[in-house]
Each structure stands twice: as structure tokens, then as C-alpha cells.
Amino acid sequence: MWLCIVTLVLVAVASVISYNYRSSAANVAAQREAFNRAKAEYDKRIATVTGAESHAPVADTAEEYVRLPKTDMSCWGPFICGPETKFEQLKLARVMHTPTEAVKRELDQRREQIAAQSAKVEAAGQKLKSLEDIDHTIRTVMAPLVSVTVLLACLYVILSGGYKPDGEKWAFGSIGTIIGFWFKV
């Protein structure tokens, strides 16, 4: 009985941590998308002001970089895969010369807003990175833990002989489900 209670508590805690990780990942993705839109508008405005082609290098800018999280799928161990957060550097140009001072101020303000936005995305990515190890551990431990707990309960029901045939059918069915799960994995 106490084994089932402990397992339920562990599953509940793991679920809360996993939910927090997933919501952090969604937050990073949304912030990254907003950053990408703002940066695309900024780059388009720079190209308009400097008269550059869409992919040609802009002569009147200085290259500076921002650091952003990027989430990719990776596998650790033979059976478990999940998201992994890495950081990449993206160029965020700073316009050095413009036709008028007003245009330069406008571009500098936009650039500062985008740089501040990138700092928020990076902070959210750092939070996600800190939760990643816990999520990996949960993914690694929870399936065997739940399987062993249910298997022990099933074996107790089958071997004790004090349960009705419906209880034993449940136990045999659960053992079959566990075996099927691990064969599938």
C-alpha cells in the first residue's frame, strides 16, 4: 500500500515539474518567434534606409551579436529522447551612418528594443536549460518506476490467491500491458 502511495506522489511531483518544463519551452518558443519577427522588420528597415539588396551586405553597419536559445530534439540513452536547449549567436546589425539623424535615432531605438527582447529570450532559455536535467531524469526514471510498482502489485494479487477472478484478470492484463509497453520501447 505504501509503495503505491509513494509512487503516486512521485508521479504527481514529476508531472508538475514536467508541466513547468513544457510551459517554459512554449514560452521560449513564443518569445523566439516574436524576436524573429521584430528582427526581420528591423533588417528590412535597414535595407530600405541603406538601399541594400535583400541579401547583399550592408556597408554602413557594424556587426554585433545576440545569444538566443534554440531547442532541438536529442536522444540520451537507448530509449529516451526529448528536447535539448542550445544557444546560438545571431547577428544584430548596428547602423553607423544614415541619411538623417532622425532615421538613425529610429533605427537605434528599434535595435535597443530588439536587443532587450533578445535578453528576455535568453533569460527564458537559461531557465529552460536549468530545468532540462530534471526533465531528463524524470523521463529516465518514471517509466521503470511505474512499471515496477504496478508489476509488484500484480504479482501480489496473483501469488497471494486471496483475490476474486476479476482481480486476477486485471493483474494478468496489467502484466501483459507492461510487457507490451517495454517490447514497444
N, C-alpha and C. Protein backbone atom coordinates (compact mmCIF):
# COMPACT_ATOMS: atom_id res chain seq x y z
N MET A 1 0.82 -1.20 0.00
CA MET A 1 0.00 0.00 0.00
C MET A 1 0.87 1.26 0.00
N TRP A 2 1.88 1.28 0.89
CA TRP A 2 2.72 2.47 0.97
C TRP A 2 3.52 2.67 -0.31
N LEU A 3 3.86 1.57 -1.00
CA LEU A 3 4.59 1.67 -2.25
C LEU A 3 3.75 2.39 -3.32
N CYS A 4 2.46 2.08 -3.35
CA CYS A 4 1.56 2.75 -4.31
C CYS A 4 1.43 4.23 -4.00
N ILE A 5 1.33 4.57 -2.72
CA ILE A 5 1.20 5.98 -2.32
C ILE A 5 2.46 6.75 -2.69
N VAL A 6 3.62 6.17 -2.39
CA VAL A 6 4.88 6.83 -2.74
C VAL A 6 4.99 7.02 -4.25
N THR A 7 4.60 6.01 -5.00
CA THR A 7 4.66 6.11 -6.46
C THR A 7 3.72 7.19 -6.97
N LEU A 8 2.51 7.26 -6.41
CA LEU A 8 1.57 8.30 -6.83
C LEU A 8 2.10 9.69 -6.52
N VAL A 9 2.73 9.86 -5.37
CA VAL A 9 3.30 11.15 -5.02
C VAL A 9 4.44 11.51 -5.98
N LEU A 10 5.29 10.53 -6.28
CA LEU A 10 6.39 10.78 -7.23
C LEU A 10 5.87 11.12 -8.62
N VAL A 11 4.83 10.43 -9.06
CA VAL A 11 4.24 10.72 -10.37
C VAL A 11 3.65 12.13 -10.37
N ALA A 12 2.99 12.52 -9.27
CA ALA A 12 2.41 13.87 -9.19
C ALA A 12 3.51 14.94 -9.24
N VAL A 13 4.58 14.74 -8.49
CA VAL A 13 5.69 15.70 -8.49
C VAL A 13 6.33 15.76 -9.87
N ALA A 14 6.55 14.60 -10.48
CA ALA A 14 7.14 14.56 -11.81
C ALA A 14 6.25 15.26 -12.83
N SER A 15 4.94 15.10 -12.69
CA SER A 15 4.01 15.75 -13.61
C SER A 15 4.08 17.27 -13.49
N VAL A 16 4.17 17.76 -12.27
CA VAL A 16 4.26 19.22 -12.07
C VAL A 16 5.56 19.76 -12.67
N ILE A 17 6.67 19.07 -12.42
CA ILE A 17 7.95 19.51 -12.97
C ILE A 17 7.93 19.44 -14.50
N SER A 18 7.38 18.36 -15.03
CA SER A 18 7.32 18.21 -16.48
C SER A 18 6.43 19.30 -17.10
N TYR A 19 5.31 19.62 -16.43
CA TYR A 19 4.44 20.69 -16.93
C TYR A 19 5.18 22.02 -16.92
N ASN A 20 5.93 22.29 -15.86
CA ASN A 20 6.70 23.53 -15.78
C ASN A 20 7.73 23.59 -16.90
N TYR A 21 8.37 22.48 -17.18
CA TYR A 21 9.35 22.43 -18.26
C TYR A 21 8.68 22.69 -19.61
N ARG A 22 7.54 22.04 -19.85
CA ARG A 22 6.84 22.21 -21.13
C ARG A 22 6.34 23.65 -21.29
N SER A 23 5.82 24.24 -20.22
CA SER A 23 5.35 25.63 -20.35
C SER A 23 6.52 26.58 -20.56
N SER A 24 7.67 26.30 -19.95
CA SER A 24 8.86 27.12 -20.20
C SER A 24 9.31 26.99 -21.65
N ALA A 25 9.25 25.78 -22.19
CA ALA A 25 9.64 25.56 -23.58
C ALA A 25 8.70 26.32 -24.52
N ALA A 26 7.40 26.30 -24.23
CA ALA A 26 6.44 27.04 -25.06
C ALA A 26 6.69 28.54 -24.95
N ASN A 27 7.04 29.01 -23.77
CA ASN A 27 7.33 30.43 -23.56
C ASN A 27 8.56 30.84 -24.38
N VAL A 28 9.60 30.03 -24.35
CA VAL A 28 10.81 30.33 -25.12
C VAL A 28 10.49 30.36 -26.61
N ALA A 29 9.70 29.39 -27.08
CA ALA A 29 9.35 29.35 -28.50
C ALA A 29 8.56 30.59 -28.92
N ALA A 30 7.62 31.01 -28.09
CA ALA A 30 6.83 32.20 -28.41
C ALA A 30 7.69 33.46 -28.41
N GLN A 31 8.56 33.59 -27.42
CA GLN A 31 9.44 34.76 -27.37
C GLN A 31 10.43 34.76 -28.54
N ARG A 32 10.92 33.59 -28.89
CA ARG A 32 11.85 33.49 -30.01
C ARG A 32 11.16 33.90 -31.31
N GLU A 33 9.91 33.47 -31.49
CA GLU A 33 9.15 33.83 -32.69
C GLU A 33 8.92 35.34 -32.75
N ALA A 34 8.57 35.94 -31.63
CA ALA A 34 8.37 37.39 -31.59
C ALA A 34 9.69 38.12 -31.91
N PHE A 35 10.79 37.61 -31.37
CA PHE A 35 12.10 38.20 -31.67
C PHE A 35 12.40 38.11 -33.16
N ASN A 36 12.16 36.94 -33.76
CA ASN A 36 12.44 36.75 -35.18
C ASN A 36 11.64 37.72 -36.05
N ARG A 37 10.36 37.94 -35.69
CA ARG A 37 9.54 38.89 -36.45
C ARG A 37 10.09 40.31 -36.32
N ALA A 38 10.42 40.71 -35.09
CA ALA A 38 10.94 42.06 -34.87
C ALA A 38 12.28 42.25 -35.59
N LYS A 39 13.13 41.24 -35.55
CA LYS A 39 14.43 41.35 -36.22
C LYS A 39 14.27 41.41 -37.74
N ALA A 40 13.33 40.66 -38.27
CA ALA A 40 13.09 40.69 -39.72
C ALA A 40 12.62 42.09 -40.15
N GLU A 41 11.73 42.70 -39.36
CA GLU A 41 11.28 44.06 -39.67
C GLU A 41 12.44 45.05 -39.57
N TYR A 42 13.28 44.88 -38.55
CA TYR A 42 14.43 45.76 -38.38
C TYR A 42 15.40 45.63 -39.56
N ASP A 43 15.71 44.39 -39.95
CA ASP A 43 16.61 44.16 -41.08
C ASP A 43 16.03 44.74 -42.38
N LYS A 44 14.71 44.60 -42.54
CA LYS A 44 14.05 45.15 -43.73
C LYS A 44 14.16 46.69 -43.74
N ARG A 45 13.98 47.29 -42.57
CA ARG A 45 14.08 48.75 -42.46
C ARG A 45 15.51 49.21 -42.74
N ILE A 46 16.50 48.48 -42.25
CA ILE A 46 17.90 48.82 -42.53
C ILE A 46 18.16 48.76 -44.02
N ALA A 47 17.67 47.70 -44.68
CA ALA A 47 17.88 47.56 -46.13
C ALA A 47 17.21 48.71 -46.88
N THR A 48 16.05 49.14 -46.40
CA THR A 48 15.35 50.26 -47.03
C THR A 48 16.14 51.56 -46.88
N VAL A 49 16.65 51.80 -45.68
CA VAL A 49 17.37 53.05 -45.39
C VAL A 49 18.70 53.09 -46.13
N THR A 50 19.42 51.98 -46.16
CA THR A 50 20.74 52.00 -46.77
C THR A 50 20.70 51.70 -48.26
N GLY A 51 19.53 51.29 -48.77
CA GLY A 51 19.40 51.00 -50.19
C GLY A 51 20.06 49.70 -50.59
N ALA A 52 20.23 48.77 -49.64
CA ALA A 52 20.90 47.50 -49.94
C ALA A 52 19.90 46.51 -50.51
N GLU A 53 20.41 45.55 -51.26
CA GLU A 53 19.58 44.44 -51.75
C GLU A 53 19.22 43.57 -50.55
N SER A 54 18.27 42.66 -50.75
CA SER A 54 17.78 41.86 -49.63
C SER A 54 18.85 40.98 -49.01
N HIS A 55 19.80 40.47 -49.81
CA HIS A 55 20.82 39.59 -49.24
C HIS A 55 22.23 40.16 -49.38
N ALA A 56 22.34 41.34 -49.89
CA ALA A 56 23.66 41.95 -50.04
C ALA A 56 24.13 42.48 -48.69
N PRO A 57 25.43 42.49 -48.44
CA PRO A 57 25.93 43.04 -47.18
C PRO A 57 25.69 44.56 -47.13
N VAL A 58 25.37 45.04 -45.98
CA VAL A 58 25.11 46.46 -45.80
C VAL A 58 26.41 47.11 -45.34
N ALA A 59 26.85 48.14 -46.06
CA ALA A 59 28.16 48.73 -45.81
C ALA A 59 28.17 49.62 -44.58
N ASP A 60 27.07 50.28 -44.29
CA ASP A 60 27.05 51.26 -43.20
C ASP A 60 26.59 50.67 -41.88
N THR A 61 26.91 49.42 -41.61
CA THR A 61 26.50 48.81 -40.35
C THR A 61 27.70 48.13 -39.70
N ALA A 62 27.59 47.97 -38.38
CA ALA A 62 28.59 47.21 -37.63
C ALA A 62 27.91 45.95 -37.11
N GLU A 63 28.62 44.83 -37.22
CA GLU A 63 28.03 43.58 -36.77
C GLU A 63 28.19 43.43 -35.26
N GLU A 64 27.09 43.14 -34.61
CA GLU A 64 27.08 42.79 -33.20
C GLU A 64 26.22 41.54 -33.08
N TYR A 65 26.38 40.83 -32.00
CA TYR A 65 25.69 39.55 -31.88
C TYR A 65 24.84 39.50 -30.62
N VAL A 66 23.76 38.72 -30.71
CA VAL A 66 22.93 38.41 -29.56
C VAL A 66 22.90 36.90 -29.42
N ARG A 67 22.66 36.43 -28.22
CA ARG A 67 22.67 35.00 -27.93
C ARG A 67 21.24 34.55 -27.66
N LEU A 68 20.76 33.56 -28.43
CA LEU A 68 19.39 33.09 -28.30
C LEU A 68 19.33 31.58 -28.13
N PRO A 69 18.35 31.10 -27.35
CA PRO A 69 18.20 29.66 -27.20
C PRO A 69 17.55 29.03 -28.43
N LYS A 70 17.94 27.80 -28.70
CA LYS A 70 17.35 27.03 -29.78
C LYS A 70 17.11 25.63 -29.24
N THR A 71 15.90 25.14 -29.40
CA THR A 71 15.55 23.83 -28.86
C THR A 71 15.49 22.81 -29.99
N ASP A 72 16.25 21.74 -29.83
CA ASP A 72 16.28 20.65 -30.80
C ASP A 72 15.99 19.35 -30.08
N MET A 73 15.55 18.35 -30.82
CA MET A 73 15.34 17.02 -30.24
C MET A 73 16.67 16.28 -30.21
N SER A 74 16.91 15.58 -29.11
CA SER A 74 18.11 14.75 -29.00
C SER A 74 17.77 13.53 -28.15
N CYS A 75 18.60 12.53 -28.26
CA CYS A 75 18.38 11.29 -27.50
C CYS A 75 19.52 11.10 -26.53
N TRP A 76 19.19 10.64 -25.34
CA TRP A 76 20.19 10.28 -24.35
C TRP A 76 19.75 8.92 -23.81
N GLY A 77 20.58 7.96 -23.99
CA GLY A 77 20.20 6.60 -23.62
C GLY A 77 19.52 5.92 -24.80
N PRO A 78 19.30 4.62 -24.68
CA PRO A 78 18.75 3.88 -25.82
C PRO A 78 17.27 4.11 -26.08
N PHE A 79 16.50 4.53 -25.08
CA PHE A 79 15.05 4.58 -25.23
C PHE A 79 14.44 5.96 -25.08
N ILE A 80 15.20 6.94 -24.69
CA ILE A 80 14.60 8.20 -24.28
C ILE A 80 15.12 9.36 -25.12
N CYS A 81 14.18 10.09 -25.71
CA CYS A 81 14.52 11.28 -26.49
C CYS A 81 13.68 12.45 -25.97
N GLY A 82 14.19 13.63 -26.14
CA GLY A 82 13.44 14.80 -25.71
C GLY A 82 14.13 16.06 -26.19
N PRO A 83 13.54 17.20 -25.88
CA PRO A 83 14.12 18.47 -26.33
C PRO A 83 15.39 18.81 -25.56
N GLU A 84 16.31 19.45 -26.26
CA GLU A 84 17.55 19.92 -25.64
C GLU A 84 17.77 21.36 -26.07
N THR A 85 18.11 22.21 -25.12
CA THR A 85 18.29 23.63 -25.39
C THR A 85 19.76 23.93 -25.61
N LYS A 86 20.03 24.58 -26.73
CA LYS A 86 21.38 25.05 -27.04
C LYS A 86 21.26 26.54 -27.34
N PHE A 87 22.37 27.24 -27.28
CA PHE A 87 22.36 28.67 -27.56
C PHE A 87 23.15 28.94 -28.84
N GLU A 88 22.59 29.84 -29.66
CA GLU A 88 23.25 30.22 -30.90
C GLU A 88 23.40 31.74 -30.94
N GLN A 89 24.38 32.20 -31.70
CA GLN A 89 24.62 33.63 -31.84
C GLN A 89 24.04 34.10 -33.16
N LEU A 90 23.28 35.17 -33.10
CA LEU A 90 22.71 35.77 -34.31
C LEU A 90 23.23 37.19 -34.46
N LYS A 91 23.41 37.60 -35.71
CA LYS A 91 23.86 38.96 -35.98
C LYS A 91 22.71 39.93 -35.76
N LEU A 92 23.03 41.03 -35.12
CA LEU A 92 22.09 42.13 -34.97
C LEU A 92 22.87 43.39 -35.34
N ALA A 93 22.68 43.85 -36.56
CA ALA A 93 23.48 44.95 -37.11
C ALA A 93 23.17 46.26 -36.39
N ARG A 94 24.19 47.08 -36.27
CA ARG A 94 24.02 48.44 -35.75
C ARG A 94 24.37 49.39 -36.89
N VAL A 95 23.41 50.25 -37.23
CA VAL A 95 23.61 51.19 -38.33
C VAL A 95 24.53 52.31 -37.87
N MET A 96 25.56 52.55 -38.66
CA MET A 96 26.55 53.57 -38.30
C MET A 96 26.25 54.91 -38.96
N HIS A 97 25.82 54.89 -40.23
CA HIS A 97 25.56 56.13 -40.97
C HIS A 97 24.22 56.02 -41.67
N THR A 98 23.42 57.08 -41.55
CA THR A 98 22.12 57.14 -42.23
C THR A 98 21.99 58.52 -42.87
N PRO A 99 21.01 58.64 -43.78
CA PRO A 99 20.84 59.95 -44.44
C PRO A 99 20.50 61.07 -43.45
N THR A 100 19.70 60.77 -42.43
CA THR A 100 19.34 61.81 -41.46
C THR A 100 19.52 61.28 -40.05
N GLU A 101 19.63 62.21 -39.12
CA GLU A 101 19.79 61.85 -37.71
C GLU A 101 18.51 61.22 -37.15
N ALA A 102 17.36 61.64 -37.64
CA ALA A 102 16.08 61.09 -37.17
C ALA A 102 15.96 59.60 -37.51
N VAL A 103 16.40 59.25 -38.71
CA VAL A 103 16.36 57.84 -39.12
C VAL A 103 17.32 57.02 -38.26
N LYS A 104 18.50 57.58 -37.96
CA LYS A 104 19.46 56.87 -37.12
C LYS A 104 18.89 56.66 -35.73
N ARG A 105 18.24 57.68 -35.16
CA ARG A 105 17.62 57.53 -33.83
C ARG A 105 16.54 56.45 -33.86
N GLU A 106 15.72 56.47 -34.92
CA GLU A 106 14.66 55.46 -35.04
C GLU A 106 15.25 54.05 -35.08
N LEU A 107 16.28 53.88 -35.90
CA LEU A 107 16.90 52.56 -36.02
C LEU A 107 17.59 52.14 -34.72
N ASP A 108 18.24 53.09 -34.06
CA ASP A 108 18.89 52.77 -32.78
C ASP A 108 17.85 52.37 -31.73
N GLN A 109 16.71 53.07 -31.70
CA GLN A 109 15.65 52.71 -30.75
C GLN A 109 15.13 51.31 -31.04
N ARG A 110 14.88 51.02 -32.31
CA ARG A 110 14.40 49.67 -32.68
C ARG A 110 15.42 48.61 -32.30
N ARG A 111 16.70 48.93 -32.55
CA ARG A 111 17.74 47.96 -32.25
C ARG A 111 17.81 47.71 -30.75
N GLU A 112 17.70 48.74 -29.95
CA GLU A 112 17.74 48.57 -28.50
C GLU A 112 16.54 47.75 -28.00
N GLN A 113 15.37 47.98 -28.61
CA GLN A 113 14.19 47.18 -28.24
C GLN A 113 14.41 45.71 -28.58
N ILE A 114 14.99 45.45 -29.74
CA ILE A 114 15.24 44.07 -30.15
C ILE A 114 16.31 43.45 -29.26
N ALA A 115 17.33 44.20 -28.90
CA ALA A 115 18.38 43.68 -28.01
C ALA A 115 17.80 43.36 -26.64
N ALA A 116 16.91 44.22 -26.13
CA ALA A 116 16.25 43.94 -24.84
C ALA A 116 15.37 42.70 -24.94
N GLN A 117 14.69 42.56 -26.06
CA GLN A 117 13.86 41.39 -26.28
C GLN A 117 14.72 40.13 -26.32
N SER A 118 15.89 40.22 -26.95
CA SER A 118 16.78 39.06 -27.01
C SER A 118 17.28 38.69 -25.62
N ALA A 119 17.49 39.68 -24.76
CA ALA A 119 17.91 39.38 -23.39
C ALA A 119 16.81 38.62 -22.64
N LYS A 120 15.56 38.99 -22.87
CA LYS A 120 14.45 38.27 -22.24
C LYS A 120 14.37 36.83 -22.74
N VAL A 121 14.56 36.66 -24.04
CA VAL A 121 14.53 35.31 -24.61
C VAL A 121 15.68 34.48 -24.05
N GLU A 122 16.84 35.10 -23.93
CA GLU A 122 18.00 34.37 -23.38
C GLU A 122 17.75 33.97 -21.93
N ALA A 123 17.15 34.86 -21.13
CA ALA A 123 16.85 34.53 -19.73
C ALA A 123 15.85 33.37 -19.65
N ALA A 124 14.84 33.40 -20.50
CA ALA A 124 13.88 32.30 -20.53
C ALA A 124 14.56 31.00 -20.96
N GLY A 125 15.49 31.10 -21.90
CA GLY A 125 16.24 29.93 -22.33
C GLY A 125 17.13 29.36 -21.23
N GLN A 126 17.70 30.24 -20.41
CA GLN A 126 18.52 29.79 -19.28
C GLN A 126 17.66 29.03 -18.27
N LYS A 127 16.43 29.52 -18.03
CA LYS A 127 15.52 28.82 -17.12
C LYS A 127 15.18 27.44 -17.68
N LEU A 128 14.91 27.40 -18.98
CA LEU A 128 14.60 26.13 -19.63
C LEU A 128 15.79 25.18 -19.53
N LYS A 129 16.98 25.69 -19.74
CA LYS A 129 18.19 24.87 -19.66
C LYS A 129 18.37 24.30 -18.25
N SER A 130 18.04 25.10 -17.22
CA SER A 130 18.19 24.61 -15.84
C SER A 130 17.18 23.51 -15.52
N LEU A 131 16.01 23.54 -16.15
CA LEU A 131 15.00 22.50 -15.92
C LEU A 131 15.25 21.24 -16.74
N GLU A 132 16.14 21.35 -17.72
CA GLU A 132 16.36 20.25 -18.65
C GLU A 132 16.88 18.99 -17.97
N ASP A 133 17.86 19.13 -17.07
CA ASP A 133 18.42 17.96 -16.40
C ASP A 133 17.37 17.23 -15.57
N ILE A 134 16.53 17.99 -14.90
CA ILE A 134 15.46 17.38 -14.10
C ILE A 134 14.48 16.65 -15.01
N ASP A 135 14.14 17.26 -16.13
CA ASP A 135 13.22 16.62 -17.07
C ASP A 135 13.82 15.33 -17.63
N HIS A 136 15.11 15.34 -17.95
CA HIS A 136 15.77 14.14 -18.46
C HIS A 136 15.73 13.02 -17.41
N THR A 137 15.98 13.38 -16.15
CA THR A 137 15.94 12.39 -15.07
C THR A 137 14.54 11.81 -14.91
N ILE A 138 13.55 12.67 -14.96
CA ILE A 138 12.17 12.20 -14.83
C ILE A 138 11.82 11.25 -15.97
N ARG A 139 12.19 11.62 -17.18
CA ARG A 139 11.89 10.75 -18.33
C ARG A 139 12.61 9.40 -18.20
N THR A 140 13.79 9.41 -17.63
CA THR A 140 14.56 8.19 -17.49
C THR A 140 14.03 7.29 -16.37
N VAL A 141 13.57 7.87 -15.28
CA VAL A 141 13.22 7.11 -14.08
C VAL A 141 11.74 6.72 -14.01
N MET A 142 10.85 7.55 -14.51
CA MET A 142 9.43 7.34 -14.24
C MET A 142 8.84 6.09 -14.89
N ALA A 143 9.16 5.80 -16.12
CA ALA A 143 8.58 4.61 -16.77
C ALA A 143 8.98 3.32 -16.06
N PRO A 144 10.27 3.12 -15.73
CA PRO A 144 10.59 1.90 -14.98
C PRO A 144 9.98 1.88 -13.57
N LEU A 145 9.92 3.04 -12.92
CA LEU A 145 9.36 3.08 -11.57
C LEU A 145 7.89 2.69 -11.55
N VAL A 146 7.12 3.27 -12.45
CA VAL A 146 5.69 2.94 -12.51
C VAL A 146 5.51 1.48 -12.94
N SER A 147 6.31 1.02 -13.89
CA SER A 147 6.21 -0.37 -14.34
C SER A 147 6.49 -1.34 -13.20
N VAL A 148 7.54 -1.10 -12.44
CA VAL A 148 7.89 -2.00 -11.34
C VAL A 148 6.81 -1.96 -10.26
N THR A 149 6.30 -0.79 -9.95
CA THR A 149 5.26 -0.69 -8.92
C THR A 149 4.01 -1.47 -9.32
N VAL A 150 3.54 -1.26 -10.53
CA VAL A 150 2.35 -1.98 -11.00
C VAL A 150 2.63 -3.47 -11.10
N LEU A 151 3.82 -3.83 -11.55
CA LEU A 151 4.19 -5.24 -11.63
C LEU A 151 4.20 -5.90 -10.26
N LEU A 152 4.74 -5.22 -9.25
CA LEU A 152 4.73 -5.77 -7.90
C LEU A 152 3.31 -5.94 -7.38
N ALA A 153 2.46 -4.96 -7.62
CA ALA A 153 1.06 -5.07 -7.19
C ALA A 153 0.37 -6.24 -7.89
N CYS A 154 0.63 -6.41 -9.18
CA CYS A 154 0.03 -7.51 -9.93
C CYS A 154 0.51 -8.86 -9.42
N LEU A 155 1.80 -8.97 -9.19
CA LEU A 155 2.34 -10.23 -8.68
C LEU A 155 1.78 -10.56 -7.30
N TYR A 156 1.58 -9.55 -6.47
CA TYR A 156 0.98 -9.79 -5.16
C TYR A 156 -0.45 -10.32 -5.30
N VAL A 157 -1.22 -9.71 -6.20
CA VAL A 157 -2.61 -10.16 -6.42
C VAL A 157 -2.62 -11.59 -6.94
N ILE A 158 -1.75 -11.91 -7.87
CA ILE A 158 -1.74 -13.24 -8.47
C ILE A 158 -1.23 -14.30 -7.48
N LEU A 159 -0.13 -14.00 -6.81
CA LEU A 159 0.51 -15.00 -5.96
C LEU A 159 -0.17 -15.18 -4.60
N SER A 160 -0.86 -14.17 -4.10
CA SER A 160 -1.49 -14.30 -2.78
C SER A 160 -2.69 -15.23 -2.83
N GLY A 161 -3.38 -15.29 -3.94
CA GLY A 161 -4.51 -16.19 -4.09
C GLY A 161 -5.76 -15.76 -3.34
N GLY A 162 -5.76 -14.67 -2.69
CA GLY A 162 -6.91 -14.23 -1.92
C GLY A 162 -7.82 -13.26 -2.65
N TYR A 163 -7.70 -13.15 -3.96
CA TYR A 163 -8.50 -12.19 -4.72
C TYR A 163 -9.44 -12.93 -5.66
N LYS A 164 -10.53 -12.27 -6.02
CA LYS A 164 -11.52 -12.86 -6.93
C LYS A 164 -10.92 -12.98 -8.33
N PRO A 165 -11.56 -13.81 -9.18
CA PRO A 165 -11.03 -13.98 -10.55
C PRO A 165 -10.95 -12.66 -11.33
N ASP A 166 -11.86 -11.71 -11.07
CA ASP A 166 -11.79 -10.42 -11.77
C ASP A 166 -10.51 -9.67 -11.42
N GLY A 167 -10.10 -9.74 -10.16
CA GLY A 167 -8.86 -9.10 -9.72
C GLY A 167 -7.65 -9.74 -10.37
N GLU A 168 -7.70 -11.07 -10.49
CA GLU A 168 -6.57 -11.76 -11.14
C GLU A 168 -6.52 -11.44 -12.63
N LYS A 169 -7.70 -11.32 -13.26
CA LYS A 169 -7.72 -10.94 -14.68
C LYS A 169 -7.10 -9.56 -14.87
N TRP A 170 -7.42 -8.65 -13.95
CA TRP A 170 -6.83 -7.31 -14.02
C TRP A 170 -5.31 -7.42 -13.90
N ALA A 171 -4.85 -8.24 -12.96
CA ALA A 171 -3.41 -8.37 -12.73
C ALA A 171 -2.71 -8.95 -13.97
N PHE A 172 -3.28 -10.01 -14.55
CA PHE A 172 -2.66 -10.59 -15.75
C PHE A 172 -2.71 -9.60 -16.92
N GLY A 173 -3.81 -8.89 -17.06
CA GLY A 173 -3.91 -7.88 -18.12
C GLY A 173 -2.89 -6.77 -17.94
N SER A 174 -2.69 -6.35 -16.70
CA SER A 174 -1.70 -5.29 -16.43
C SER A 174 -0.29 -5.76 -16.73
N ILE A 175 0.02 -7.00 -16.37
CA ILE A 175 1.34 -7.55 -16.67
C ILE A 175 1.55 -7.59 -18.19
N GLY A 176 0.52 -8.01 -18.92
CA GLY A 176 0.61 -8.03 -20.38
C GLY A 176 0.82 -6.64 -20.96
N THR A 177 0.15 -5.66 -20.38
CA THR A 177 0.31 -4.28 -20.85
C THR A 177 1.73 -3.79 -20.60
N ILE A 178 2.27 -4.09 -19.42
CA ILE A 178 3.64 -3.67 -19.10
C ILE A 178 4.64 -4.33 -20.04
N ILE A 179 4.47 -5.63 -20.26
CA ILE A 179 5.39 -6.33 -21.17
C ILE A 179 5.28 -5.75 -22.58
N GLY A 180 4.04 -5.49 -23.03
CA GLY A 180 3.85 -4.88 -24.34
C GLY A 180 4.50 -3.51 -24.44
N PHE A 181 4.37 -2.72 -23.39
CA PHE A 181 4.99 -1.38 -23.38
C PHE A 181 6.50 -1.49 -23.55
N TRP A 182 7.13 -2.38 -22.80
CA TRP A 182 8.59 -2.48 -22.86
C TRP A 182 9.06 -3.14 -24.15
N PHE A 183 8.26 -4.01 -24.76
CA PHE A 183 8.63 -4.55 -26.06
C PHE A 183 8.54 -3.47 -27.14
N LYS A 184 7.55 -2.57 -26.99
CA LYS A 184 7.38 -1.49 -27.95
C LYS A 184 8.53 -0.50 -27.87
N VAL A 185 8.98 -0.25 -26.66
CA VAL A 185 10.06 0.71 -26.46
C VAL A 185 11.32 0.13 -27.04
